[in-house]
Amino acid sequence: MLPGNLIRDELIRREPSLSNRVIEARRSRLSAPVRYTTEASILIPCFNGERYLKQCLETLFTTKGVSFETIIVDNASTDNSLEIARSYPPVTVIANGRNVGFPVAINQGASLAKGEFLVILNQDTEVEPNWLLELITVLRENPKVAICGPKILDSRNRATVQQLGVLVDRFGFAIYIQNLNQVRSEVFMVSGAAMVIRHDVFKTLGGFDEDYFIFEDDLDLCWRARLAGYKVMVDSSSIVFHKGGSAVEGGFPEKGQFKTSLTRRYFSERNTLQTLLKNYETANIMKRVPPYIGMNLAEIALFVLSGQINGTIAYVRSFYYNIVRFRKTWQKHVEIGRIRAISDRKLSAVQDPRNLKIQAFLRWGVPTFEGKGPRPAFSPGRYTRNSS
């Protein structure tokens, strides 16, 4: 079951002089003017990625047609990930003293980045030589496109399309797109497993929301980019291979059944609800959040009926998190309103009109839980920069 002290750890009052100093320093660097010295900065967050990192870097350094720097942020790995990262001289390494999560790690890397474009890349990916050139070409040719993602293939079965962008419905539920009729297509969002975003837009948006820790941070970032008036696209001529589930178990359908983990489910539901509260106009929060909660309560009932009582814990705790943190979330809602350039009505044109959670249930049935997943550490610790 989900670790009993998960919420307690998350809500523990941190020593303010350290946490505020670290967070404000990073925000200051994110908002400071940048003199670009390379085309792209590739940011790779790493947590116990020893099995994948070497192959990721070996293929990354075959990238053609784009000048880039590579920044790896290690989240206190207990394997040899840090040693592998430091063994590649072109790589800048940030070594965290604890696992600070995906969004913080990316923001740390971005605060040092000198590229015109920021590239977010998972540790369990491999790339083809022209992957980055194709994505940056899309952004250069389309000034209103802020984020672009590649075709992502399953690294375990390289003929299988894992995703071509992501469908998102009105309730924030997401399903991978696996077929597109065009090489380039506008989508609601692309996965944080592999995406390129304009550096200046990333700074305008304030980077990733560091309260997310893991999962749905990419949904939130793409949503905020759209609210600011930008588009998100996918280019299927750019190829990236991705395993998935290297940090937390589950997340992909297998043999007609959707397998997940309690940790994955907790963060996904917690952060989806947070995204709705942050990013919808106030009137639409009243329209979308009650049905969202109702669907989750129905899902809890299905878990109980199927004998997966432990599954209810992840949902109850996701609700509790958002209740306790509502005031902070609402402050973000107000801040996002200041950068809003389009209405929710206009945004709905790129949202899927179906209920994608119901679609998923009809296709794969009630999710099954496997494993406990890692127990994350929630409070940002000190980190050091090491340029190998």
Protein backbone atom coordinates (compact mmCIF):
# COMPACT_ATOMS: atom_id res chain seq x y z
CA MET A 1 0.00 0.00 0.00
CA LEU A 2 1.01 3.63 -0.32
CA PRO A 3 3.50 4.51 2.45
CA GLY A 4 1.55 5.55 5.53
CA ASN A 5 3.64 8.64 6.17
CA LEU A 6 3.46 9.91 2.57
CA ILE A 7 1.12 12.81 3.30
CA ARG A 8 2.79 13.60 6.61
CA ASP A 9 6.16 13.90 4.88
CA GLU A 10 4.63 16.05 2.21
CA LEU A 11 3.02 18.53 4.57
CA ILE A 12 5.83 18.73 7.10
CA ARG A 13 6.80 22.36 7.79
CA ARG A 14 10.27 22.87 6.36
CA GLU A 15 12.84 25.10 8.01
CA PRO A 16 12.00 28.36 6.21
CA SER A 17 15.43 29.95 6.03
CA LEU A 18 16.77 27.07 3.92
CA SER A 19 13.77 26.22 1.73
CA ASN A 20 12.83 29.81 0.92
CA ARG A 21 16.44 30.74 0.16
CA VAL A 22 16.89 27.80 -2.21
CA ILE A 23 13.56 28.28 -3.97
CA GLU A 24 13.86 32.05 -4.34
CA ALA A 25 17.42 31.77 -5.66
CA ARG A 26 16.27 29.34 -8.33
CA ARG A 27 13.30 31.53 -9.27
CA SER A 28 15.63 34.48 -9.57
CA ARG A 29 17.91 32.58 -11.96
CA LEU A 30 14.92 31.36 -13.98
CA SER A 31 13.65 34.91 -14.44
CA ALA A 32 17.05 36.50 -15.10
CA PRO A 33 18.00 37.41 -18.68
CA VAL A 34 19.97 34.71 -20.51
CA ARG A 35 22.64 35.19 -23.15
CA TYR A 36 22.22 32.18 -25.40
CA THR A 37 25.51 30.49 -26.24
CA THR A 38 24.11 27.34 -27.87
CA GLU A 39 20.95 26.31 -29.70
CA ALA A 40 19.64 23.80 -27.17
CA SER A 41 20.09 22.79 -23.55
CA ILE A 42 19.19 19.15 -22.95
CA LEU A 43 17.97 18.57 -19.40
CA ILE A 44 17.90 14.99 -18.11
CA PRO A 45 16.53 14.31 -14.61
CA CYS A 46 17.96 11.08 -13.24
CA PHE A 47 16.92 8.78 -10.43
CA ASN A 48 18.49 5.31 -10.24
CA GLY A 49 18.89 5.25 -14.01
CA GLU A 50 22.03 3.14 -14.18
CA ARG A 51 20.40 0.62 -16.53
CA TYR A 52 19.43 3.30 -19.04
CA LEU A 53 21.62 6.37 -18.74
CA LYS A 54 24.66 5.18 -20.68
CA GLN A 55 22.63 4.17 -23.72
CA CYS A 56 20.65 7.40 -23.49
CA LEU A 57 23.84 9.48 -23.61
CA GLU A 58 25.50 7.34 -26.29
CA THR A 59 22.60 7.92 -28.68
CA LEU A 60 22.22 11.55 -27.60
CA PHE A 61 25.75 12.35 -28.69
CA THR A 62 24.92 11.13 -32.23
CA THR A 63 22.51 14.08 -32.57
CA LYS A 64 23.14 16.00 -35.81
CA GLY A 65 22.47 19.51 -37.05
CA VAL A 66 22.05 21.24 -33.67
CA SER A 67 24.55 22.67 -31.20
CA PHE A 68 23.65 21.71 -27.64
CA GLU A 69 24.78 21.34 -24.06
CA THR A 70 23.73 18.52 -21.75
CA ILE A 71 22.78 18.97 -18.09
CA ILE A 72 22.00 15.95 -15.92
CA VAL A 73 20.28 16.47 -12.58
CA ASP A 74 20.70 13.45 -10.31
CA ASN A 75 18.09 13.08 -7.59
CA ALA A 76 20.19 11.23 -4.99
CA SER A 77 20.46 7.98 -6.94
CA THR A 78 21.63 5.01 -4.90
CA ASP A 79 23.09 3.17 -7.90
CA ASN A 80 25.95 4.22 -10.19
CA SER A 81 23.96 6.84 -12.14
CA LEU A 82 26.03 9.74 -10.85
CA GLU A 83 29.32 8.06 -11.76
CA ILE A 84 28.03 7.32 -15.26
CA ALA A 85 26.94 10.93 -15.75
CA ARG A 86 30.30 12.27 -14.58
CA SER A 87 32.17 9.92 -16.92
CA TYR A 88 31.00 11.96 -19.94
CA PRO A 89 33.15 15.13 -20.10
CA PRO A 90 30.68 17.28 -22.09
CA VAL A 91 28.00 16.81 -19.42
CA THR A 92 27.26 19.27 -16.61
CA VAL A 93 26.05 17.41 -13.51
CA ILE A 94 23.90 18.69 -10.65
CA ALA A 95 23.95 16.24 -7.73
CA ASN A 96 21.06 16.63 -5.30
CA GLY A 97 21.34 15.43 -1.72
CA ARG A 98 17.83 13.99 -1.86
CA ASN A 99 15.15 13.16 -4.40
CA VAL A 100 13.57 16.55 -5.06
CA GLY A 101 11.31 15.32 -7.86
CA PHE A 102 11.08 15.84 -11.62
CA PRO A 103 9.89 19.49 -11.76
CA VAL A 104 12.50 20.80 -9.32
CA ALA A 105 15.25 18.89 -11.15
CA ILE A 106 14.24 20.40 -14.50
CA ASN A 107 14.04 23.90 -13.02
CA GLN A 108 17.49 23.46 -11.50
CA GLY A 109 18.90 22.48 -14.88
CA ALA A 110 17.05 25.30 -16.63
CA SER A 111 18.51 27.86 -14.23
CA LEU A 112 21.97 26.99 -15.61
CA ALA A 113 20.93 26.50 -19.23
CA LYS A 114 22.32 28.70 -22.01
CA GLY A 115 20.34 27.28 -24.92
CA GLU A 116 17.69 29.10 -26.93
CA PHE A 117 15.56 25.98 -26.58
CA LEU A 118 15.17 23.74 -23.55
CA VAL A 119 14.92 20.01 -24.17
CA ILE A 120 13.38 17.80 -21.49
CA LEU A 121 14.44 14.18 -21.89
CA ASN A 122 13.84 11.16 -19.68
CA GLN A 123 16.70 8.93 -18.57
CA ASP A 124 15.17 5.85 -20.23
CA THR A 125 15.11 7.26 -23.75
CA GLU A 126 17.19 6.75 -26.89
CA VAL A 127 17.16 9.11 -29.85
CA GLU A 128 17.76 9.07 -33.58
CA PRO A 129 20.37 11.47 -35.05
CA ASN A 130 17.93 13.99 -36.58
CA TRP A 131 15.37 13.97 -33.75
CA LEU A 132 16.26 17.37 -32.31
CA LEU A 133 16.77 19.17 -35.62
CA GLU A 134 13.24 18.23 -36.68
CA LEU A 135 11.70 19.59 -33.47
CA ILE A 136 13.64 22.85 -33.46
CA THR A 137 12.79 23.38 -37.14
CA VAL A 138 9.09 23.29 -36.21
CA LEU A 139 9.63 25.95 -33.55
CA ARG A 140 11.72 28.18 -35.82
CA GLU A 141 9.14 28.01 -38.59
CA ASN A 142 6.15 28.62 -36.30
CA PRO A 143 6.64 31.49 -33.81
CA LYS A 144 3.32 30.74 -32.05
CA VAL A 145 4.34 27.15 -31.31
CA ALA A 146 6.02 27.07 -27.90
CA ILE A 147 6.35 23.31 -27.34
CA CYS A 148 7.01 20.44 -29.73
CA GLY A 149 7.32 16.72 -29.13
CA PRO A 150 8.50 13.74 -31.20
CA LYS A 151 6.98 10.43 -32.18
CA ILE A 152 7.80 8.18 -29.22
CA LEU A 153 8.28 4.49 -29.90
CA ASP A 154 8.40 1.71 -27.32
CA SER A 155 12.04 0.81 -26.74
CA ARG A 156 11.05 -2.79 -25.91
CA ASN A 157 9.20 -3.22 -29.21
CA ARG A 158 10.51 -0.64 -31.63
CA ALA A 159 7.72 -1.09 -34.13
CA THR A 160 5.14 -0.02 -31.55
CA VAL A 161 4.09 3.62 -31.30
CA GLN A 162 3.91 4.63 -27.66
CA GLN A 163 2.63 8.13 -28.33
CA LEU A 164 2.22 10.91 -30.88
CA GLY A 165 1.19 13.58 -28.44
CA VAL A 166 -1.56 13.26 -25.87
CA LEU A 167 -5.33 13.68 -25.95
CA VAL A 168 -6.73 15.56 -22.96
CA ASP A 169 -10.43 15.86 -22.09
CA ARG A 170 -12.27 18.54 -20.09
CA PHE A 171 -11.44 16.80 -16.82
CA GLY A 172 -7.70 16.61 -17.43
CA PHE A 173 -7.71 12.89 -18.16
CA ALA A 174 -5.19 11.96 -20.83
CA ILE A 175 -4.70 9.16 -23.36
CA TYR A 176 -1.77 8.78 -25.72
CA ILE A 177 -2.35 9.43 -29.42
CA GLN A 178 -1.00 6.54 -31.52
CA ASN A 179 -2.13 7.51 -35.03
CA LEU A 180 -1.97 10.82 -36.90
CA ASN A 181 -2.68 11.60 -40.53
CA GLN A 182 -0.09 14.35 -40.82
CA VAL A 183 3.62 14.57 -40.11
CA ARG A 184 3.04 17.69 -38.02
CA SER A 185 -0.09 18.06 -35.93
CA GLU A 186 -1.34 20.37 -33.20
CA VAL A 187 -2.13 18.50 -29.97
CA PHE A 188 -3.21 19.57 -26.50
CA MET A 189 0.02 18.36 -24.91
CA VAL A 190 3.15 16.30 -25.44
CA SER A 191 4.85 14.11 -22.89
CA GLY A 192 7.65 15.29 -20.64
CA ALA A 193 9.49 12.12 -21.62
CA ALA A 194 10.76 14.11 -24.62
CA MET A 195 9.79 17.68 -25.45
CA VAL A 196 11.34 20.95 -26.62
CA ILE A 197 10.15 24.31 -25.30
CA ARG A 198 11.30 27.83 -26.10
CA HIS A 199 13.56 29.02 -23.29
CA ASP A 200 11.92 32.43 -23.10
CA VAL A 201 8.43 30.90 -22.85
CA PHE A 202 9.60 28.52 -20.12
CA LYS A 203 10.83 31.53 -18.15
CA THR A 204 7.61 33.46 -18.76
CA LEU A 205 5.60 30.52 -17.41
CA GLY A 206 7.85 30.22 -14.36
CA GLY A 207 9.06 26.77 -15.32
CA PHE A 208 7.53 23.56 -14.01
CA ASP A 209 5.35 23.74 -10.90
CA GLU A 210 7.64 22.37 -8.21
CA ASP A 211 4.75 21.17 -6.03
CA TYR A 212 3.94 18.36 -8.49
CA PHE A 213 6.98 16.18 -7.70
CA ILE A 214 6.17 13.69 -10.48
CA PHE A 215 3.39 13.10 -13.05
CA GLU A 216 1.07 15.58 -14.79
CA ASP A 217 3.70 18.32 -14.57
CA ASP A 218 3.87 18.16 -18.37
CA LEU A 219 0.08 18.48 -18.60
CA ASP A 220 0.20 21.57 -16.42
CA LEU A 221 3.08 23.16 -18.36
CA CYS A 222 1.41 22.62 -21.75
CA TRP A 223 -1.92 23.87 -20.37
CA ARG A 224 -0.32 27.08 -19.10
CA ALA A 225 1.52 27.58 -22.40
CA ARG A 226 -1.80 27.34 -24.21
CA LEU A 227 -3.44 29.80 -21.82
CA ALA A 228 -0.61 32.21 -22.64
CA GLY A 229 -1.62 32.00 -26.30
CA TYR A 230 0.89 29.45 -27.63
CA LYS A 231 0.39 26.18 -29.49
CA VAL A 232 1.74 22.68 -28.84
CA MET A 233 2.69 20.41 -31.74
CA VAL A 234 4.08 16.97 -32.45
CA ASP A 235 6.36 16.10 -35.37
CA SER A 236 6.36 12.42 -36.30
CA SER A 237 9.57 12.74 -38.32
CA SER A 238 11.41 13.12 -35.01
CA ILE A 239 11.94 9.70 -33.41
CA VAL A 240 12.61 8.94 -29.74
CA PHE A 241 12.50 5.50 -28.10
CA HIS A 242 11.17 5.32 -24.54
CA LYS A 243 10.80 2.49 -22.05
CA GLY A 244 8.57 4.17 -19.47
CA GLY A 245 8.11 3.31 -15.81
CA SER A 246 11.82 3.49 -14.98
CA ALA A 247 11.22 5.73 -11.94
CA VAL A 248 7.76 4.48 -10.87
CA GLU A 249 6.11 1.21 -11.88
CA GLY A 250 3.11 0.93 -14.20
CA GLY A 251 1.49 3.39 -16.56
CA PHE A 252 1.10 1.33 -19.73
CA PRO A 253 -1.54 -1.19 -20.85
CA GLU A 254 -0.25 -4.75 -21.07
CA LYS A 255 -2.17 -7.64 -22.65
CA GLY A 256 -5.45 -5.76 -22.59
CA GLN A 257 -5.12 -4.71 -18.95
CA PHE A 258 -4.02 -1.40 -17.46
CA LYS A 259 -1.42 -1.90 -14.74
CA THR A 260 -0.43 0.89 -12.43
CA SER A 261 0.97 1.45 -8.93
CA LEU A 262 -0.40 3.18 -5.87
CA THR A 263 2.32 5.82 -5.99
CA ARG A 264 1.65 6.55 -9.67
CA ARG A 265 -2.10 6.74 -9.09
CA TYR A 266 -1.77 9.03 -6.09
CA PHE A 267 0.41 11.59 -7.87
CA SER A 268 -1.59 11.42 -11.11
CA GLU A 269 -4.95 12.07 -9.44
CA ARG A 270 -3.52 14.59 -6.97
CA ASN A 271 -1.85 16.63 -9.70
CA THR A 272 -4.70 16.40 -12.20
CA LEU A 273 -7.08 17.92 -9.67
CA GLN A 274 -4.50 20.58 -8.84
CA THR A 275 -4.18 21.38 -12.56
CA LEU A 276 -7.93 21.89 -12.94
CA LEU A 277 -8.06 24.19 -9.92
CA LYS A 278 -5.10 26.23 -11.16
CA ASN A 279 -5.84 26.57 -14.84
CA TYR A 280 -9.60 26.76 -15.38
CA GLU A 281 -11.52 30.00 -15.12
CA THR A 282 -13.49 30.16 -11.87
CA ALA A 283 -16.86 29.40 -13.51
CA ASN A 284 -15.44 26.32 -15.20
CA ILE A 285 -13.91 25.04 -11.98
CA MET A 286 -17.47 24.74 -10.69
CA LYS A 287 -18.44 22.84 -13.84
CA ARG A 288 -15.46 20.48 -14.05
CA VAL A 289 -14.28 19.70 -10.53
CA PRO A 290 -17.50 18.24 -9.03
CA PRO A 291 -17.91 15.71 -11.89
CA TYR A 292 -14.19 14.92 -11.63
CA ILE A 293 -14.55 14.11 -7.94
CA GLY A 294 -17.72 12.13 -8.68
CA MET A 295 -15.90 9.97 -11.22
CA ASN A 296 -13.11 9.31 -8.76
CA LEU A 297 -15.62 8.27 -6.09
CA ALA A 298 -17.17 5.88 -8.61
CA GLU A 299 -13.70 4.54 -9.35
CA ILE A 300 -13.12 4.00 -5.62
CA ALA A 301 -16.32 1.95 -5.50
CA LEU A 302 -15.06 -0.19 -8.40
CA PHE A 303 -11.79 -0.81 -6.58
CA VAL A 304 -13.69 -1.95 -3.49
CA LEU A 305 -15.94 -4.24 -5.54
CA SER A 306 -12.93 -5.74 -7.33
CA GLY A 307 -11.16 -6.44 -4.03
CA GLN A 308 -8.53 -3.69 -4.46
CA ILE A 309 -9.35 -1.80 -1.29
CA ASN A 310 -5.80 -0.43 -1.08
CA GLY A 311 -6.48 1.46 -4.30
CA THR A 312 -8.89 3.74 -2.46
CA ILE A 313 -6.07 5.08 -0.27
CA ALA A 314 -4.34 6.82 -3.18
CA TYR A 315 -7.55 8.69 -4.06
CA VAL A 316 -8.44 9.69 -0.51
CA ARG A 317 -4.96 11.07 0.01
CA SER A 318 -5.02 12.93 -3.29
CA PHE A 319 -8.22 14.68 -2.14
CA TYR A 320 -6.71 15.43 1.26
CA TYR A 321 -3.62 16.99 -0.31
CA ASN A 322 -5.69 19.38 -2.41
CA ILE A 323 -7.94 20.36 0.50
CA VAL A 324 -4.98 21.18 2.74
CA ARG A 325 -3.14 23.05 -0.02
CA PHE A 326 -6.14 24.81 -1.53
CA ARG A 327 -5.09 28.32 -0.50
CA LYS A 328 -1.69 27.97 -2.19
CA THR A 329 -3.28 26.45 -5.29
CA TRP A 330 -5.72 29.34 -5.49
CA GLN A 331 -2.86 31.84 -5.34
CA LYS A 332 -1.41 30.10 -8.39
CA HIS A 333 -4.82 30.28 -10.05
CA VAL A 334 -4.78 34.07 -9.63
CA GLU A 335 -1.20 34.33 -10.95
CA ILE A 336 -2.05 32.25 -14.02
CA GLY A 337 -4.98 34.56 -14.71
CA ARG A 338 -2.49 37.38 -15.23
CA ILE A 339 -0.80 35.63 -18.18
CA ARG A 340 -4.02 34.29 -19.67
CA ALA A 341 -4.44 35.29 -23.32
CA ILE A 342 -7.30 32.96 -24.34
CA SER A 343 -10.57 31.88 -22.77
CA ASP A 344 -11.47 28.36 -21.67
CA ARG A 345 -14.04 28.32 -24.43
CA LYS A 346 -11.34 28.78 -27.05
CA LEU A 347 -9.13 26.24 -25.30
CA SER A 348 -11.91 23.65 -25.44
CA ALA A 349 -11.45 23.46 -29.22
CA VAL A 350 -8.31 21.38 -28.67
CA GLN A 351 -9.69 19.32 -25.78
CA ASP A 352 -11.19 15.92 -26.53
CA PRO A 353 -15.00 16.11 -26.15
CA ARG A 354 -15.21 12.53 -24.84
CA ASN A 355 -14.75 11.39 -21.26
CA LEU A 356 -11.38 9.69 -21.61
CA LYS A 357 -11.45 8.00 -18.20
CA ILE A 358 -14.66 6.19 -19.18
CA GLN A 359 -13.08 5.33 -22.54
CA ALA A 360 -10.11 3.82 -20.70
CA PHE A 361 -12.37 1.75 -18.44
CA LEU A 362 -14.33 0.46 -21.42
CA ARG A 363 -11.12 -0.52 -23.21
CA TRP A 364 -8.97 -1.91 -20.37
CA GLY A 365 -11.30 -2.43 -17.43
CA VAL A 366 -10.54 -1.61 -13.80
CA PRO A 367 -6.81 -0.84 -13.33
CA THR A 368 -4.76 -3.31 -11.33
CA PHE A 369 -2.07 -2.26 -8.88
CA GLU A 370 1.38 -3.76 -8.78
CA GLY A 371 4.24 -3.02 -6.41
CA LYS A 372 4.57 -0.13 -4.00
CA GLY A 373 6.73 2.16 -6.08
CA PRO A 374 9.45 4.27 -4.51
CA ARG A 375 8.97 6.30 -1.39
CA PRO A 376 9.84 9.84 -2.51
CA ALA A 377 11.49 12.53 -0.44
CA PHE A 378 9.55 15.75 -0.71
CA SER A 379 11.54 18.64 0.64
CA PRO A 380 14.20 20.18 -1.63
CA GLY A 381 17.67 19.66 -0.26
CA ARG A 382 20.96 21.31 -0.96
CA TYR A 383 22.47 20.60 -4.34
CA THR A 384 25.88 21.04 -5.80
CA ARG A 385 27.01 21.70 -9.32
CA ASN A 386 29.73 19.53 -10.74
CA SER A 387 30.90 20.10 -14.28
CA SER A 388 32.78 16.97 -15.31
